[in-house]
Amino acid sequence: MDGSFAYSQIRSLTGSESADKLALFPNPISSSGQKLQFNNLPSQLQKIELVSIAGIVTYSIEKPSSQGINIEGVSKGLYIVKAILQNGQMFSSRLLIR
């Protein structure tokens, strides 16, 4: 309240924010006719899940094809796509379905 101020120390952070991201395309995607493609899926992939913003798993597939997955019939909206590996590790990314 007296008008004085002080600077804090500068700290640097290292790490890869994209390390736990899942590369998918096209994004946004149309819910009719397009297949959701993934870039460099790990060989230990167990399943792919589409989770709605409400936290409900709306789509799940075990060991998807390298040709992509058909999301026809999934409602429009924003989703989290999760790739779950056999060791429990998870990669995720946001997906907009138009």
N, C-alpha and C. Protein backbone atom coordinates (compact mmCIF):
# COMPACT_ATOMS: atom_id res chain seq x y z
N MET A 1 0.80 -1.19 0.00
CA MET A 1 0.00 0.00 0.00
C MET A 1 0.85 1.27 0.00
N ASP A 2 2.17 1.09 0.28
CA ASP A 2 3.03 2.28 0.33
C ASP A 2 3.67 2.60 -1.02
N GLY A 3 3.32 1.84 -2.08
CA GLY A 3 3.84 2.12 -3.41
C GLY A 3 5.17 1.44 -3.72
N SER A 4 5.72 0.69 -2.79
CA SER A 4 7.00 0.00 -3.05
C SER A 4 6.74 -1.29 -3.83
N PHE A 5 7.79 -1.79 -4.47
CA PHE A 5 7.68 -3.05 -5.21
C PHE A 5 9.01 -3.77 -5.18
N ALA A 6 9.00 -5.03 -5.56
CA ALA A 6 10.22 -5.84 -5.63
C ALA A 6 10.07 -6.84 -6.77
N TYR A 7 11.19 -7.15 -7.41
CA TYR A 7 11.20 -8.13 -8.49
C TYR A 7 11.51 -9.51 -7.93
N SER A 8 10.90 -10.52 -8.49
CA SER A 8 11.19 -11.88 -8.07
C SER A 8 12.32 -12.43 -8.94
N GLN A 9 12.88 -13.57 -8.50
CA GLN A 9 13.93 -14.21 -9.28
C GLN A 9 13.35 -14.80 -10.56
N ILE A 10 14.15 -14.81 -11.61
CA ILE A 10 13.74 -15.43 -12.87
C ILE A 10 14.13 -16.90 -12.81
N ARG A 11 13.19 -17.77 -13.07
CA ARG A 11 13.42 -19.22 -13.06
C ARG A 11 13.12 -19.76 -14.45
N SER A 12 13.93 -20.69 -14.92
CA SER A 12 13.65 -21.31 -16.21
C SER A 12 13.15 -22.72 -15.99
N LEU A 13 12.26 -23.12 -16.84
CA LEU A 13 11.70 -24.47 -16.79
C LEU A 13 12.08 -25.19 -18.06
N THR A 14 12.39 -26.44 -17.93
CA THR A 14 12.67 -27.25 -19.10
C THR A 14 11.73 -28.43 -19.11
N GLY A 15 11.52 -28.95 -20.27
CA GLY A 15 10.62 -30.08 -20.41
C GLY A 15 9.89 -29.95 -21.72
N SER A 16 9.25 -31.01 -22.07
CA SER A 16 8.54 -31.02 -23.33
C SER A 16 7.05 -31.12 -23.05
N GLU A 17 6.35 -30.04 -23.27
CA GLU A 17 4.90 -30.05 -23.06
C GLU A 17 4.23 -31.01 -24.03
N SER A 18 4.81 -31.19 -25.21
CA SER A 18 4.21 -32.04 -26.22
C SER A 18 4.53 -33.52 -26.03
N ALA A 19 5.33 -33.86 -25.02
CA ALA A 19 5.71 -35.26 -24.82
C ALA A 19 4.50 -36.15 -24.54
N ASP A 20 3.48 -35.60 -23.89
CA ASP A 20 2.32 -36.42 -23.58
C ASP A 20 1.13 -36.08 -24.48
N LYS A 21 1.39 -35.41 -25.58
CA LYS A 21 0.34 -35.06 -26.54
C LYS A 21 0.25 -36.14 -27.62
N LEU A 22 -0.92 -36.29 -28.15
CA LEU A 22 -1.19 -37.26 -29.20
C LEU A 22 -1.38 -36.48 -30.50
N ALA A 23 -0.61 -36.81 -31.53
CA ALA A 23 -0.73 -36.12 -32.82
C ALA A 23 -1.85 -36.76 -33.63
N LEU A 24 -2.91 -35.99 -33.90
CA LEU A 24 -4.03 -36.51 -34.67
C LEU A 24 -4.47 -35.49 -35.71
N PHE A 25 -5.07 -36.00 -36.77
CA PHE A 25 -5.54 -35.13 -37.86
C PHE A 25 -6.64 -35.84 -38.62
N PRO A 26 -7.51 -35.16 -39.32
CA PRO A 26 -7.69 -33.70 -39.32
C PRO A 26 -8.32 -33.25 -38.02
N ASN A 27 -8.05 -32.03 -37.66
CA ASN A 27 -8.60 -31.46 -36.45
C ASN A 27 -8.81 -29.97 -36.68
N PRO A 28 -10.05 -29.50 -36.78
CA PRO A 28 -11.32 -30.18 -36.52
C PRO A 28 -11.67 -31.18 -37.62
N ILE A 29 -12.58 -32.07 -37.28
CA ILE A 29 -13.00 -33.14 -38.20
C ILE A 29 -14.51 -33.13 -38.31
N SER A 30 -15.01 -33.58 -39.45
CA SER A 30 -16.45 -33.72 -39.65
C SER A 30 -16.88 -35.08 -39.13
N SER A 31 -18.07 -35.15 -38.56
CA SER A 31 -18.53 -36.42 -37.99
C SER A 31 -19.04 -37.39 -39.05
N SER A 32 -19.05 -36.96 -40.31
CA SER A 32 -19.53 -37.86 -41.35
C SER A 32 -18.49 -38.04 -42.45
N GLY A 33 -18.09 -39.25 -42.66
CA GLY A 33 -17.25 -39.59 -43.79
C GLY A 33 -15.75 -39.51 -43.59
N GLN A 34 -15.25 -38.77 -42.64
CA GLN A 34 -13.80 -38.67 -42.45
C GLN A 34 -13.34 -39.66 -41.39
N LYS A 35 -12.10 -40.14 -41.55
CA LYS A 35 -11.50 -41.00 -40.55
C LYS A 35 -10.48 -40.19 -39.76
N LEU A 36 -10.44 -40.41 -38.47
CA LEU A 36 -9.48 -39.75 -37.61
C LEU A 36 -8.16 -40.50 -37.72
N GLN A 37 -7.11 -39.80 -38.10
CA GLN A 37 -5.80 -40.40 -38.31
C GLN A 37 -4.88 -40.03 -37.15
N PHE A 38 -3.91 -40.88 -36.87
CA PHE A 38 -2.94 -40.66 -35.80
C PHE A 38 -1.54 -40.70 -36.40
N ASN A 39 -0.68 -39.90 -35.84
CA ASN A 39 0.70 -39.85 -36.31
C ASN A 39 1.59 -40.56 -35.30
N ASN A 40 2.32 -41.57 -35.74
CA ASN A 40 3.30 -42.29 -34.91
C ASN A 40 2.70 -42.89 -33.63
N LEU A 41 1.69 -43.72 -33.78
CA LEU A 41 1.13 -44.40 -32.62
C LEU A 41 2.15 -45.40 -32.07
N PRO A 42 2.30 -45.46 -30.76
CA PRO A 42 3.24 -46.42 -30.16
C PRO A 42 2.80 -47.86 -30.43
N SER A 43 3.77 -48.75 -30.53
CA SER A 43 3.46 -50.16 -30.81
C SER A 43 2.75 -50.84 -29.64
N GLN A 44 2.89 -50.31 -28.43
CA GLN A 44 2.25 -50.89 -27.25
C GLN A 44 0.85 -50.35 -27.01
N LEU A 45 0.25 -49.76 -28.02
CA LEU A 45 -1.08 -49.16 -27.87
C LEU A 45 -2.11 -50.22 -27.49
N GLN A 46 -2.87 -49.94 -26.45
CA GLN A 46 -3.92 -50.85 -26.02
C GLN A 46 -5.28 -50.40 -26.53
N LYS A 47 -5.60 -49.10 -26.34
CA LYS A 47 -6.89 -48.61 -26.83
C LYS A 47 -6.89 -47.10 -26.99
N ILE A 48 -7.87 -46.64 -27.77
CA ILE A 48 -8.13 -45.23 -28.01
C ILE A 48 -9.52 -44.93 -27.44
N GLU A 49 -9.63 -43.82 -26.70
CA GLU A 49 -10.92 -43.39 -26.16
C GLU A 49 -11.20 -41.95 -26.54
N LEU A 50 -12.45 -41.65 -26.84
CA LEU A 50 -12.92 -40.28 -27.00
C LEU A 50 -13.73 -39.96 -25.75
N VAL A 51 -13.29 -38.94 -25.02
CA VAL A 51 -13.94 -38.57 -23.77
C VAL A 51 -14.55 -37.19 -23.95
N SER A 52 -15.83 -37.07 -23.64
CA SER A 52 -16.51 -35.78 -23.77
C SER A 52 -16.04 -34.83 -22.67
N ILE A 53 -16.38 -33.57 -22.83
CA ILE A 53 -16.03 -32.57 -21.83
C ILE A 53 -16.67 -32.90 -20.48
N ALA A 54 -17.79 -33.60 -20.50
CA ALA A 54 -18.46 -34.01 -19.27
C ALA A 54 -17.76 -35.20 -18.60
N GLY A 55 -16.72 -35.76 -19.25
CA GLY A 55 -15.98 -36.87 -18.68
C GLY A 55 -16.54 -38.24 -19.04
N ILE A 56 -17.44 -38.29 -20.00
CA ILE A 56 -18.05 -39.56 -20.41
C ILE A 56 -17.30 -40.13 -21.61
N VAL A 57 -16.93 -41.40 -21.53
CA VAL A 57 -16.28 -42.07 -22.66
C VAL A 57 -17.36 -42.33 -23.70
N THR A 58 -17.28 -41.61 -24.84
CA THR A 58 -18.32 -41.74 -25.86
C THR A 58 -17.93 -42.71 -26.97
N TYR A 59 -16.64 -43.04 -27.05
CA TYR A 59 -16.17 -43.95 -28.09
C TYR A 59 -14.91 -44.61 -27.57
N SER A 60 -14.78 -45.90 -27.79
CA SER A 60 -13.59 -46.64 -27.37
C SER A 60 -13.31 -47.74 -28.37
N ILE A 61 -12.04 -47.92 -28.71
CA ILE A 61 -11.66 -48.99 -29.63
C ILE A 61 -10.34 -49.59 -29.19
N GLU A 62 -10.29 -50.92 -29.15
CA GLU A 62 -9.07 -51.64 -28.80
C GLU A 62 -8.21 -51.77 -30.06
N LYS A 63 -6.95 -51.48 -29.93
CA LYS A 63 -5.96 -51.63 -31.02
C LYS A 63 -6.50 -51.17 -32.37
N PRO A 64 -6.62 -49.87 -32.56
CA PRO A 64 -7.17 -49.33 -33.81
C PRO A 64 -6.27 -49.61 -35.01
N SER A 65 -6.86 -49.59 -36.17
CA SER A 65 -6.15 -49.81 -37.42
C SER A 65 -5.23 -48.63 -37.73
N SER A 66 -4.18 -48.89 -38.46
CA SER A 66 -3.28 -47.81 -38.88
C SER A 66 -3.96 -46.92 -39.93
N GLN A 67 -5.11 -47.36 -40.45
CA GLN A 67 -5.86 -46.58 -41.42
C GLN A 67 -6.69 -45.48 -40.75
N GLY A 68 -6.74 -45.45 -39.43
CA GLY A 68 -7.52 -44.46 -38.70
C GLY A 68 -8.81 -45.07 -38.17
N ILE A 69 -9.57 -44.25 -37.47
CA ILE A 69 -10.83 -44.73 -36.92
C ILE A 69 -11.98 -43.91 -37.46
N ASN A 70 -13.10 -44.58 -37.65
CA ASN A 70 -14.30 -43.95 -38.17
C ASN A 70 -15.11 -43.43 -36.97
N ILE A 71 -15.32 -42.13 -36.92
CA ILE A 71 -16.06 -41.55 -35.80
C ILE A 71 -17.47 -41.15 -36.19
N GLU A 72 -17.95 -41.74 -37.28
CA GLU A 72 -19.31 -41.44 -37.73
C GLU A 72 -20.30 -41.78 -36.63
N GLY A 73 -21.22 -40.88 -36.39
CA GLY A 73 -22.23 -41.09 -35.35
C GLY A 73 -21.87 -40.47 -34.02
N VAL A 74 -20.63 -40.01 -33.86
CA VAL A 74 -20.24 -39.33 -32.62
C VAL A 74 -20.76 -37.90 -32.70
N SER A 75 -21.39 -37.43 -31.65
CA SER A 75 -21.99 -36.09 -31.62
C SER A 75 -20.94 -35.00 -31.78
N LYS A 76 -21.37 -33.88 -32.35
CA LYS A 76 -20.49 -32.73 -32.50
C LYS A 76 -20.10 -32.20 -31.13
N GLY A 77 -18.88 -31.68 -31.04
CA GLY A 77 -18.44 -31.10 -29.78
C GLY A 77 -16.95 -31.21 -29.60
N LEU A 78 -16.49 -30.85 -28.42
CA LEU A 78 -15.07 -30.89 -28.07
C LEU A 78 -14.82 -32.15 -27.25
N TYR A 79 -13.77 -32.88 -27.61
CA TYR A 79 -13.44 -34.15 -26.95
C TYR A 79 -11.96 -34.19 -26.59
N ILE A 80 -11.63 -35.07 -25.66
CA ILE A 80 -10.25 -35.41 -25.37
C ILE A 80 -10.06 -36.81 -25.95
N VAL A 81 -9.06 -36.96 -26.81
CA VAL A 81 -8.74 -38.27 -27.37
C VAL A 81 -7.58 -38.83 -26.55
N LYS A 82 -7.77 -40.01 -25.97
CA LYS A 82 -6.75 -40.64 -25.14
C LYS A 82 -6.24 -41.90 -25.81
N ALA A 83 -4.92 -42.03 -25.88
CA ALA A 83 -4.28 -43.27 -26.33
C ALA A 83 -3.69 -43.90 -25.08
N ILE A 84 -4.14 -45.09 -24.75
CA ILE A 84 -3.70 -45.77 -23.54
C ILE A 84 -2.82 -46.94 -23.93
N LEU A 85 -1.60 -46.97 -23.38
CA LEU A 85 -0.64 -48.03 -23.67
C LEU A 85 -0.81 -49.18 -22.70
N GLN A 86 -0.20 -50.32 -23.03
CA GLN A 86 -0.30 -51.52 -22.19
C GLN A 86 0.30 -51.31 -20.81
N ASN A 87 1.30 -50.43 -20.70
CA ASN A 87 1.93 -50.18 -19.40
C ASN A 87 1.19 -49.12 -18.58
N GLY A 88 0.05 -48.63 -19.08
CA GLY A 88 -0.75 -47.66 -18.36
C GLY A 88 -0.46 -46.22 -18.72
N GLN A 89 0.62 -45.99 -19.47
CA GLN A 89 0.95 -44.63 -19.90
C GLN A 89 -0.13 -44.11 -20.83
N MET A 90 -0.40 -42.81 -20.77
CA MET A 90 -1.48 -42.24 -21.55
C MET A 90 -0.99 -41.00 -22.30
N PHE A 91 -1.42 -40.87 -23.55
CA PHE A 91 -1.17 -39.68 -24.38
C PHE A 91 -2.53 -39.11 -24.72
N SER A 92 -2.62 -37.79 -24.79
CA SER A 92 -3.93 -37.20 -25.08
C SER A 92 -3.81 -35.95 -25.92
N SER A 93 -4.92 -35.60 -26.54
CA SER A 93 -5.02 -34.37 -27.33
C SER A 93 -6.48 -33.98 -27.43
N ARG A 94 -6.73 -32.70 -27.70
CA ARG A 94 -8.11 -32.24 -27.88
C ARG A 94 -8.53 -32.43 -29.31
N LEU A 95 -9.82 -32.68 -29.53
CA LEU A 95 -10.39 -32.88 -30.85
C LEU A 95 -11.73 -32.17 -30.92
N LEU A 96 -11.92 -31.42 -32.01
CA LEU A 96 -13.19 -30.75 -32.26
C LEU A 96 -13.89 -31.49 -33.39
N ILE A 97 -15.11 -31.96 -33.13
CA ILE A 97 -15.93 -32.62 -34.14
C ILE A 97 -17.01 -31.64 -34.55
N ARG A 98 -17.06 -31.35 -35.88
CA ARG A 98 -18.05 -30.39 -36.40
C ARG A 98 -19.19 -31.13 -37.05
